[in-house]
């Protein structure tokens, strides 16, 4: 990678990560404005990095006695996304429109339609970072940051809600309403084409459960048909969901059977091969970090115990079957 390309790319990623930290902090009053400035800056820099890597110009022709200027965000968009109807391009253009009208946006919340615009933009950036430079953002931040934090009472954040309307100037409310109407028109166009790179509606459904290991975060498409939305899974900590190495699996199993039936490493290998355990995420987890041992869930141990309780000769039969097939 060329040096300037690398510098541009690192600055872009830094700006993008900082934008996520701000938008995911509801206590920051100025978070909408801060996010859009950093978001646009991140996109401008990553596109310049791509152009420079491809040995294309990223500077305007130098004018005499004036400092050298690099391409604007709009010019970068035109060079990278040649189609005016590209959903990623239109997403960035709309966020850029917010940036250019930031004088209207000193508001203590982020309207739902605008947050959906941001969520699509975040996923688009992550996709292009991987596609253009083979870089996974999940190596630098927790995947949960990619699912934007939304205020949990959308009804009270409507522009027609009395408390909100009293806090904001009428000019600001009018501008944001018009902007939201424009978003919805464009969103409807892409929904018909089953394209979700322009806007991803966000709703939170919260439930209190007795077992916290079964809790998760789901972003759903609300009133829009599910096929037009994206589900963002926020991975849980594997050290919590899959706390057992093979050694612990054997020890816990033998303890629960109280020595009546004992298994060893070979038995674990047999079960893994016969039942494709490595492909079952609810039982098996393998870290991408070189040298880390595979990890197993407690549900896997429960399953082994149940199988053995139902058939004391279960492992003996499994060994014979494995030997026949191999």
Protein backbone atom coordinates (compact mmCIF):
# COMPACT_ATOMS: atom_id res chain seq x y z
CA UNK A 1 0.00 0.00 0.00
CA UNK A 2 1.34 3.45 -0.92
CA UNK A 3 2.28 5.68 2.02
CA UNK A 4 -0.29 8.42 1.34
CA UNK A 5 -2.95 5.78 0.73
CA UNK A 6 -2.17 4.22 4.10
CA UNK A 7 -2.26 7.59 5.89
CA UNK A 8 -5.58 8.50 4.29
CA UNK A 9 -7.04 5.12 5.15
CA UNK A 10 -5.91 5.19 8.79
CA UNK A 11 -7.32 8.69 9.23
CA UNK A 12 -10.59 7.57 7.65
CA UNK A 13 -10.91 4.59 10.00
CA UNK A 14 -10.08 6.77 13.01
CA UNK A 15 -12.76 9.29 12.03
CA UNK A 16 -15.29 6.52 11.47
CA UNK A 17 -14.63 4.82 14.82
CA UNK A 18 -14.85 8.18 16.59
CA UNK A 19 -18.19 8.84 14.88
CA UNK A 20 -19.54 5.53 16.20
CA UNK A 21 -18.43 6.35 19.73
CA UNK A 22 -20.29 9.66 19.60
CA UNK A 23 -23.54 8.49 17.99
CA UNK A 24 -23.71 5.58 20.43
CA UNK A 25 -23.53 7.93 23.41
CA UNK A 26 -27.04 9.35 23.94
CA UNK A 27 -25.78 11.59 26.74
CA UNK A 28 -23.95 13.75 24.18
CA UNK A 29 -26.34 16.56 23.21
CA UNK A 30 -24.34 17.47 20.11
CA UNK A 31 -24.05 13.88 18.89
CA UNK A 32 -26.05 14.24 15.65
CA UNK A 33 -23.94 17.12 14.40
CA UNK A 34 -20.66 15.54 15.54
CA UNK A 35 -21.50 12.24 13.88
CA UNK A 36 -22.31 13.71 10.47
CA UNK A 37 -19.07 15.73 10.32
CA UNK A 38 -16.95 12.69 11.20
CA UNK A 39 -19.01 10.34 8.99
CA UNK A 40 -18.56 12.56 5.93
CA UNK A 41 -14.88 13.00 6.70
CA UNK A 42 -14.43 9.22 6.98
CA UNK A 43 -16.07 8.64 3.59
CA UNK A 44 -14.11 11.42 1.90
CA UNK A 45 -10.81 10.02 3.16
CA UNK A 46 -11.55 6.38 2.29
CA UNK A 47 -12.55 7.36 -1.24
CA UNK A 48 -9.37 9.42 -1.64
CA UNK A 49 -7.38 6.43 -0.40
CA UNK A 50 -9.03 4.25 -3.04
CA UNK A 51 -8.41 6.77 -5.81
CA UNK A 52 -4.78 7.29 -4.76
CA UNK A 53 -4.16 3.54 -4.56
CA UNK A 54 -5.46 3.27 -8.12
CA UNK A 55 -3.07 6.11 -9.08
CA UNK A 56 -5.85 8.54 -9.87
CA UNK A 57 -5.71 12.25 -9.05
CA UNK A 58 -7.01 13.37 -5.68
CA UNK A 59 -5.96 17.03 -6.01
CA UNK A 60 -7.36 19.86 -8.08
CA UNK A 61 -5.04 21.62 -10.49
CA UNK A 62 -2.91 23.98 -8.43
CA UNK A 63 -3.64 27.66 -8.83
CA UNK A 64 -0.79 30.10 -8.77
CA UNK A 65 0.02 31.55 -5.33
CA UNK A 66 -2.74 29.47 -3.73
CA UNK A 67 -2.44 26.37 -1.53
CA UNK A 68 -3.01 22.98 -3.08
CA UNK A 69 -6.56 21.59 -2.55
CA UNK A 70 -7.71 18.00 -2.56
CA UNK A 71 -10.97 16.77 -4.07
CA UNK A 72 -14.21 17.53 -2.29
CA UNK A 73 -16.57 14.84 -0.99
CA UNK A 74 -18.92 15.40 -3.93
CA UNK A 75 -16.15 15.05 -6.50
CA UNK A 76 -14.91 11.86 -4.86
CA UNK A 77 -18.44 10.46 -4.97
CA UNK A 78 -18.74 11.22 -8.68
CA UNK A 79 -15.45 9.45 -9.41
CA UNK A 80 -16.19 6.35 -7.29
CA UNK A 81 -19.95 5.92 -7.71
CA UNK A 82 -20.69 6.79 -11.31
CA UNK A 83 -24.41 6.06 -11.15
CA UNK A 84 -26.49 8.88 -9.70
CA UNK A 85 -29.00 6.32 -8.38
CA UNK A 86 -26.43 4.26 -6.48
CA UNK A 87 -27.97 3.73 -3.00
CA UNK A 88 -24.63 4.14 -1.22
CA UNK A 89 -23.95 7.39 -3.05
CA UNK A 90 -27.42 8.74 -2.30
CA UNK A 91 -27.01 7.78 1.36
CA UNK A 92 -23.77 9.76 1.65
CA UNK A 93 -25.25 12.69 -0.27
CA UNK A 94 -28.17 12.94 2.16
CA UNK A 95 -25.88 12.79 5.21
CA UNK A 96 -23.70 15.44 3.53
CA UNK A 97 -26.83 17.56 3.11
CA UNK A 98 -27.30 17.33 6.87
CA UNK A 99 -23.71 18.45 7.38
CA UNK A 100 -24.15 21.43 5.07
CA UNK A 101 -27.27 22.50 6.97
CA UNK A 102 -25.91 21.86 10.46
CA UNK A 103 -27.14 25.27 11.60
CA UNK A 104 -30.62 23.68 11.74
CA UNK A 105 -29.54 20.65 13.72
CA UNK A 106 -28.75 21.82 17.25
CA UNK A 107 -31.27 19.38 18.71
CA UNK A 108 -31.00 17.01 21.72
CA UNK A 109 -32.08 13.85 19.86
CA UNK A 110 -31.80 11.99 16.55
CA UNK A 111 -35.11 11.50 14.66
CA UNK A 112 -35.88 7.87 13.70
CA UNK A 113 -35.67 8.38 9.92
CA UNK A 114 -32.31 10.08 10.21
CA UNK A 115 -30.97 7.33 12.48
CA UNK A 116 -32.01 4.76 9.85
CA UNK A 117 -30.02 6.74 7.30
CA UNK A 118 -26.99 6.64 9.58
CA UNK A 119 -27.31 2.88 10.22
CA UNK A 120 -27.26 2.09 6.51
CA UNK A 121 -24.26 4.40 6.05
CA UNK A 122 -22.34 2.64 8.81
CA UNK A 123 -22.85 -0.79 7.26
CA UNK A 124 -21.98 0.56 3.80
CA UNK A 125 -18.66 1.90 5.09
CA UNK A 126 -17.80 -1.41 6.75
CA UNK A 127 -18.64 -3.25 3.51
CA UNK A 128 -16.50 -0.98 1.32
CA UNK A 129 -13.58 -1.06 3.78
CA UNK A 130 -13.57 -4.84 3.39
CA UNK A 131 -14.17 -4.77 -0.36
CA UNK A 132 -11.65 -2.08 -1.26
CA UNK A 133 -8.87 -2.77 1.24
CA UNK A 134 -9.62 -6.21 2.71
CA UNK A 135 -9.82 -4.72 6.20
CA UNK A 136 -12.37 -5.93 8.75
CA UNK A 137 -13.44 -3.25 11.21
CA UNK A 138 -14.39 -5.96 13.72
CA UNK A 139 -10.65 -6.45 14.28
CA UNK A 140 -10.51 -2.95 15.79
CA UNK A 141 -13.83 -2.44 17.57
CA UNK A 142 -16.51 -4.60 19.13
CA UNK A 143 -19.20 -5.53 16.57
CA UNK A 144 -21.85 -4.16 18.93
CA UNK A 145 -20.72 -0.60 18.14
CA UNK A 146 -21.85 -1.11 14.54
CA UNK A 147 -25.47 -1.36 15.69
CA UNK A 148 -26.36 2.23 16.47
CA UNK A 149 -27.88 3.11 19.82
CA UNK A 150 -31.32 4.60 19.41
CA UNK A 151 -33.32 6.54 21.99
CA UNK A 152 -35.77 4.06 23.47
CA UNK A 153 -38.95 6.14 23.36
CA UNK A 154 -39.47 7.11 19.69
CA UNK A 155 -42.98 8.48 20.34
CA UNK A 156 -41.58 11.17 22.58
CA UNK A 157 -38.96 12.06 19.97
CA UNK A 158 -41.44 12.94 17.26
CA UNK A 159 -41.27 16.50 15.98
CA UNK A 160 -44.99 16.87 16.72
CA UNK A 161 -44.53 15.93 20.37
CA UNK A 162 -45.31 18.97 22.52
CA UNK A 163 -42.13 18.91 24.62
CA UNK A 164 -39.95 18.72 21.51
CA UNK A 165 -41.82 21.39 19.56
CA UNK A 166 -41.38 23.83 22.46
CA UNK A 167 -37.63 23.28 22.58
CA UNK A 168 -36.90 23.80 18.87
CA UNK A 169 -37.29 26.86 16.64
CA UNK A 170 -40.11 26.55 14.09
CA UNK A 171 -37.59 26.96 11.25
CA UNK A 172 -35.62 23.95 12.51
CA UNK A 173 -38.73 21.78 12.81
CA UNK A 174 -39.83 22.75 9.29
CA UNK A 175 -36.42 21.94 7.78
CA UNK A 176 -36.12 18.56 9.50
CA UNK A 177 -39.66 17.59 8.52
CA UNK A 178 -38.93 18.36 4.86
CA UNK A 179 -35.68 16.43 5.09
CA UNK A 180 -37.45 13.40 6.59
CA UNK A 181 -40.13 13.52 3.89
CA UNK A 182 -37.40 13.46 1.24
CA UNK A 183 -35.73 10.48 2.95
CA UNK A 184 -39.00 8.57 2.97
CA UNK A 185 -39.58 9.21 -0.74
CA UNK A 186 -36.14 7.87 -1.64
CA UNK A 187 -36.50 5.00 0.83
CA UNK A 188 -39.76 3.93 -0.83
CA UNK A 189 -38.02 3.79 -4.21
CA UNK A 190 -35.34 1.45 -2.93
CA UNK A 191 -37.77 -0.70 -0.94
CA UNK A 192 -39.55 -1.54 -4.19
CA UNK A 193 -36.19 -2.67 -5.57
CA UNK A 194 -35.44 -4.60 -2.34
CA UNK A 195 -32.35 -2.48 -1.72
CA UNK A 196 -31.40 -1.59 1.87
CA UNK A 197 -28.15 0.31 1.39
CA UNK A 198 -29.87 3.70 1.55
CA UNK A 199 -31.86 3.37 4.75
CA UNK A 200 -32.37 0.76 7.47
CA UNK A 201 -35.34 1.42 9.76
CA UNK A 202 -34.52 0.79 13.41
CA UNK A 203 -36.75 -0.35 16.24
CA UNK A 204 -35.80 -1.90 19.56
CA UNK A 205 -37.87 -4.65 21.13
CA UNK A 206 -36.77 -5.18 24.70
CA UNK A 207 -37.64 -8.15 26.92
CA UNK A 208 -36.60 -9.14 30.42
CA UNK A 209 -35.61 -12.80 30.56
CA UNK A 210 -34.71 -15.06 33.44
CA UNK A 211 -31.62 -16.41 31.69
CA UNK A 212 -29.33 -13.54 30.59
CA UNK A 213 -27.38 -15.93 28.36
CA UNK A 214 -30.41 -16.04 26.09
CA UNK A 215 -30.71 -12.26 25.81
CA UNK A 216 -29.59 -10.40 22.70
CA UNK A 217 -30.21 -7.24 20.69
CA UNK A 218 -32.31 -7.37 17.54
CA UNK A 219 -32.76 -4.54 15.08
CA UNK A 220 -35.99 -5.13 13.16
CA UNK A 221 -37.62 -3.41 10.21
CA UNK A 222 -40.74 -2.31 12.10
CA UNK A 223 -43.78 -1.85 9.87
CA UNK A 224 -41.76 -2.59 6.74
CA UNK A 225 -41.73 -6.15 5.46
CA UNK A 226 -38.86 -8.17 7.03
CA UNK A 227 -37.34 -9.01 3.67
CA UNK A 228 -36.51 -5.32 3.19
CA UNK A 229 -34.64 -4.98 6.48
CA UNK A 230 -31.38 -6.18 7.91
CA UNK A 231 -30.93 -8.02 11.18
CA UNK A 232 -27.77 -6.99 12.94
CA UNK A 233 -26.56 -9.62 15.34
CA UNK A 234 -24.50 -8.38 18.22
CA UNK A 235 -22.16 -11.23 19.13
CA UNK A 236 -21.90 -12.25 22.76
CA UNK A 237 -18.67 -12.90 24.60
CA UNK A 238 -17.55 -16.46 23.65
CA UNK A 239 -15.81 -16.81 27.01
CA UNK A 240 -19.30 -16.54 28.52
CA UNK A 241 -21.34 -18.50 25.97
CA UNK A 242 -18.65 -21.16 25.28
CA UNK A 243 -16.56 -21.31 28.47
CA UNK A 244 -15.22 -24.86 28.12
CA UNK A 245 -12.11 -26.16 26.42
CA UNK A 246 -12.07 -29.85 25.55
CA UNK A 247 -10.35 -30.52 28.86
CA UNK A 248 -13.26 -28.94 30.79
CA UNK A 249 -15.82 -30.80 28.67
CA UNK A 250 -14.26 -34.14 29.65
CA UNK A 251 -13.89 -33.18 33.33
CA UNK A 252 -17.44 -31.86 33.70
CA UNK A 253 -18.96 -34.82 31.86
CA UNK A 254 -17.09 -37.36 34.00
CA UNK A 255 -18.04 -35.51 37.19
CA UNK A 256 -21.73 -35.46 36.28
CA UNK A 257 -21.74 -39.19 35.46
CA UNK A 258 -19.90 -39.77 38.76
CA UNK A 259 -17.42 -42.18 37.24
CA UNK A 260 -20.06 -44.59 35.92
CA UNK A 261 -19.06 -43.67 32.37
CA UNK A 262 -15.87 -41.86 31.49
CA UNK A 263 -14.85 -40.25 28.21
CA UNK A 264 -11.50 -39.10 26.85
CA UNK A 265 -10.09 -36.94 24.05
CA UNK A 266 -10.75 -39.64 21.44
CA UNK A 267 -14.43 -39.73 22.40
CA UNK A 268 -14.65 -35.97 21.89
CA UNK A 269 -13.03 -36.32 18.46
CA UNK A 270 -15.53 -39.04 17.50
CA UNK A 271 -18.53 -36.92 18.48
CA UNK A 272 -17.13 -33.85 16.74
CA UNK A 273 -16.71 -35.76 13.47
CA UNK A 274 -19.94 -37.76 13.56
CA UNK A 275 -22.21 -34.85 14.43
CA UNK A 276 -20.37 -31.96 12.71
CA UNK A 277 -20.05 -30.23 16.06
CA UNK A 278 -17.61 -27.66 14.62
CA UNK A 279 -20.39 -26.31 12.39
CA UNK A 280 -22.89 -25.84 15.23
CA UNK A 281 -22.35 -22.38 16.68
CA UNK A 282 -24.56 -23.11 19.69
CA UNK A 283 -22.04 -25.78 20.76
CA UNK A 284 -18.69 -24.84 19.23
CA UNK A 285 -16.58 -21.70 18.92
CA UNK A 286 -13.12 -21.33 17.35
CA UNK A 287 -11.29 -18.03 17.76
CA UNK A 288 -9.57 -16.43 14.77
CA UNK A 289 -6.56 -15.84 17.00
CA UNK A 290 -3.86 -18.36 16.10
CA UNK A 291 -3.14 -20.83 18.89
CA UNK A 292 -6.44 -20.42 20.75
CA UNK A 293 -8.13 -23.72 21.67
CA UNK A 294 -11.68 -24.51 20.48
CA UNK A 295 -14.37 -23.68 23.05
CA UNK A 296 -17.61 -25.50 23.86
CA UNK A 297 -20.87 -24.38 25.43
CA UNK A 298 -22.48 -25.87 28.52
CA UNK A 299 -25.36 -26.90 26.25
CA UNK A 300 -22.97 -29.24 24.47
CA UNK A 301 -22.08 -30.95 27.75
CA UNK A 302 -25.79 -31.16 28.64
CA UNK A 303 -26.46 -32.81 25.29
CA UNK A 304 -23.71 -35.38 25.82
CA UNK A 305 -24.99 -36.21 29.30
CA UNK A 306 -28.56 -36.57 28.06
CA UNK A 307 -27.48 -38.89 25.24
CA UNK A 308 -25.57 -41.06 27.68
CA UNK A 309 -28.37 -41.18 30.25
CA UNK A 310 -30.76 -42.36 27.53
CA UNK A 311 -28.28 -44.95 26.27
CA UNK A 312 -25.36 -45.99 28.50
CA UNK A 313 -23.70 -47.60 25.43
CA UNK A 314 -23.92 -44.39 23.45
CA UNK A 315 -20.16 -43.68 23.26
CA UNK A 316 -19.33 -47.32 22.58
CA UNK A 317 -21.73 -47.30 19.62
CA UNK A 318 -20.35 -43.94 18.43
CA UNK A 319 -16.78 -45.30 18.37
CA UNK A 320 -17.84 -48.33 16.30
CA UNK A 321 -19.75 -46.15 13.86
CA UNK A 322 -16.78 -43.81 13.48
CA UNK A 323 -14.39 -46.72 12.83
CA UNK A 324 -16.73 -48.13 10.14
CA UNK A 325 -17.01 -44.79 8.37
CA UNK A 326 -13.29 -44.04 8.55
